[in-house]
Amino acid sequence: MTTETPIRIFSHLSGRATQAGITVTVNVYRIAGTQDPWTLEVIDQTGWSTIWGKTFASDEDALDAFVDAVEEGGGMSSFLEPRPTLH
């Protein structure tokens, strides 16, 4: 049984963003051949991925959600992989 991976169409708004020495990759995409809404994913420097649980009507709305998250969440560090805790 083969499962095909859907082809993602990336918005021209996708790219890298840097703040305070932290660079992340911002992916805004939807599935090719559909009119599906846009998905927002942020990948940190180590490959840790944050994907929004909601989708967006436009790629601009998705990018605005990223900007809001940076402003409200204390900067780019909010996207870094959570550090393990020791008990």
C-alpha atoms as a PDB file:
ATOM      1  CA  MET A   1       0.000   0.000   0.000  1.00  0.00           C
ATOM      2  CA  THR A   2       1.468   3.337  -1.063  1.00  0.00           C
ATOM      3  CA  THR A   3       0.490   6.636   0.406  1.00  0.00           C
ATOM      4  CA  GLU A   4       1.269   9.605  -1.758  1.00  0.00           C
ATOM      5  CA  THR A   5       2.473  12.757  -0.095  1.00  0.00           C
ATOM      6  CA  PRO A   6       0.379  15.694  -1.280  1.00  0.00           C
ATOM      7  CA  ILE A   7       2.201  18.377  -3.218  1.00  0.00           C
ATOM      8  CA  ARG A   8       2.324  21.693  -1.369  1.00  0.00           C
ATOM      9  CA  ILE A   9       2.134  25.010  -3.169  1.00  0.00           C
ATOM     10  CA  PHE A  10       4.139  27.617  -1.252  1.00  0.00           C
ATOM     11  CA  SER A  11       3.108  31.254  -1.125  1.00  0.00           C
ATOM     12  CA  HIS A  12       5.555  33.903  -2.276  1.00  0.00           C
ATOM     13  CA  LEU A  13       5.268  35.173   1.328  1.00  0.00           C
ATOM     14  CA  SER A  14       7.177  32.127   2.597  1.00  0.00           C
ATOM     15  CA  GLY A  15      10.773  32.710   3.589  1.00  0.00           C
ATOM     16  CA  ARG A  16      13.162  33.304   6.468  1.00  0.00           C
ATOM     17  CA  ALA A  17      12.735  35.785   9.290  1.00  0.00           C
ATOM     18  CA  THR A  18      15.392  36.848  11.795  1.00  0.00           C
ATOM     19  CA  GLN A  19      15.046  38.690  15.073  1.00  0.00           C
ATOM     20  CA  ALA A  20      17.539  38.984  17.948  1.00  0.00           C
ATOM     21  CA  GLY A  21      19.858  36.465  16.301  1.00  0.00           C
ATOM     22  CA  ILE A  22      17.154  33.815  15.904  1.00  0.00           C
ATOM     23  CA  THR A  23      16.260  32.812  12.343  1.00  0.00           C
ATOM     24  CA  VAL A  24      13.172  30.783  11.478  1.00  0.00           C
ATOM     25  CA  THR A  25      11.700  29.557   8.223  1.00  0.00           C
ATOM     26  CA  VAL A  26       8.109  30.645   7.651  1.00  0.00           C
ATOM     27  CA  ASN A  27       6.149  28.356   5.327  1.00  0.00           C
ATOM     28  CA  VAL A  28       2.749  29.407   4.062  1.00  0.00           C
ATOM     29  CA  TYR A  29       1.268  26.736   1.821  1.00  0.00           C
ATOM     30  CA  ARG A  30      -1.769  24.851   0.595  1.00  0.00           C
ATOM     31  CA  ILE A  31      -2.292  21.564  -1.199  1.00  0.00           C
ATOM     32  CA  ALA A  32      -1.850  21.666  -4.989  1.00  0.00           C
ATOM     33  CA  GLY A  33      -4.936  21.277  -7.117  1.00  0.00           C
ATOM     34  CA  THR A  34      -7.332  22.345  -4.357  1.00  0.00           C
ATOM     35  CA  GLN A  35      -8.898  25.509  -3.089  1.00  0.00           C
ATOM     36  CA  ASP A  36      -8.000  24.488   0.463  1.00  0.00           C
ATOM     37  CA  PRO A  37      -7.171  27.261   2.902  1.00  0.00           C
ATOM     38  CA  TRP A  38      -3.587  28.227   3.687  1.00  0.00           C
ATOM     39  CA  THR A  39      -1.495  26.527   6.372  1.00  0.00           C
ATOM     40  CA  LEU A  40       1.162  28.290   8.454  1.00  0.00           C
ATOM     41  CA  GLU A  41       4.302  26.476   9.633  1.00  0.00           C
ATOM     42  CA  VAL A  42       7.362  27.914  11.383  1.00  0.00           C
ATOM     43  CA  ILE A  43      10.580  25.882  11.542  1.00  0.00           C
ATOM     44  CA  ASP A  44      13.341  26.852  13.964  1.00  0.00           C
ATOM     45  CA  GLN A  45      17.112  26.537  13.459  1.00  0.00           C
ATOM     46  CA  THR A  46      17.139  22.934  14.711  1.00  0.00           C
ATOM     47  CA  GLY A  47      14.245  21.763  12.544  1.00  0.00           C
ATOM     48  CA  TRP A  48      11.556  21.959  15.247  1.00  0.00           C
ATOM     49  CA  SER A  49       8.249  22.704  13.519  1.00  0.00           C
ATOM     50  CA  THR A  50       5.269  24.687  14.800  1.00  0.00           C
ATOM     51  CA  ILE A  51       2.121  24.288  12.705  1.00  0.00           C
ATOM     52  CA  TRP A  52      -0.963  26.358  13.385  1.00  0.00           C
ATOM     53  CA  GLY A  53      -4.065  24.310  14.200  1.00  0.00           C
ATOM     54  CA  LYS A  54      -6.280  26.635  12.201  1.00  0.00           C
ATOM     55  CA  THR A  55      -6.053  27.452   8.524  1.00  0.00           C
ATOM     56  CA  PHE A  56      -6.293  30.833   6.840  1.00  0.00           C
ATOM     57  CA  ALA A  57      -8.425  32.195   4.018  1.00  0.00           C
ATOM     58  CA  SER A  58      -5.446  33.933   2.414  1.00  0.00           C
ATOM     59  CA  ASP A  59      -1.675  33.721   2.544  1.00  0.00           C
ATOM     60  CA  GLU A  60      -1.631  37.295   3.851  1.00  0.00           C
ATOM     61  CA  ASP A  61      -3.820  36.239   6.803  1.00  0.00           C
ATOM     62  CA  ALA A  62      -1.381  33.431   7.571  1.00  0.00           C
ATOM     63  CA  LEU A  63       1.606  35.778   7.520  1.00  0.00           C
ATOM     64  CA  ASP A  64      -0.273  38.246   9.732  1.00  0.00           C
ATOM     65  CA  ALA A  65      -0.803  35.414  12.247  1.00  0.00           C
ATOM     66  CA  PHE A  66       2.955  34.802  12.287  1.00  0.00           C
ATOM     67  CA  VAL A  67       3.691  38.491  12.878  1.00  0.00           C
ATOM     68  CA  ASP A  68       1.089  38.608  15.665  1.00  0.00           C
ATOM     69  CA  ALA A  69       2.601  35.523  17.299  1.00  0.00           C
ATOM     70  CA  VAL A  70       6.070  37.102  17.282  1.00  0.00           C
ATOM     71  CA  GLU A  71       4.775  40.372  18.742  1.00  0.00           C
ATOM     72  CA  GLU A  72       2.536  38.765  21.373  1.00  0.00           C
ATOM     73  CA  GLY A  73       4.727  35.781  22.221  1.00  0.00           C
ATOM     74  CA  GLY A  74       7.927  37.546  23.156  1.00  0.00           C
ATOM     75  CA  GLY A  75       9.765  37.333  19.859  1.00  0.00           C
ATOM     76  CA  MET A  76      11.255  34.521  17.789  1.00  0.00           C
ATOM     77  CA  SER A  77      12.315  32.570  20.878  1.00  0.00           C
ATOM     78  CA  SER A  78       8.682  31.487  21.262  1.00  0.00           C
ATOM     79  CA  PHE A  79       9.266  29.168  18.274  1.00  0.00           C
ATOM     80  CA  LEU A  80      12.333  27.433  19.643  1.00  0.00           C
ATOM     81  CA  GLU A  81      12.093  23.771  20.557  1.00  0.00           C
ATOM     82  CA  PRO A  82      10.990  23.442  24.168  1.00  0.00           C
ATOM     83  CA  ARG A  83      13.832  22.526  26.459  1.00  0.00           C
ATOM     84  CA  PRO A  84      13.429  19.271  28.366  1.00  0.00           C
ATOM     85  CA  THR A  85      12.629  19.575  32.029  1.00  0.00           C
ATOM     86  CA  LEU A  86      14.238  17.459  34.717  1.00  0.00           C
ATOM     87  CA  HIS A  87      12.215  16.254  37.690  1.00  0.00           C
END
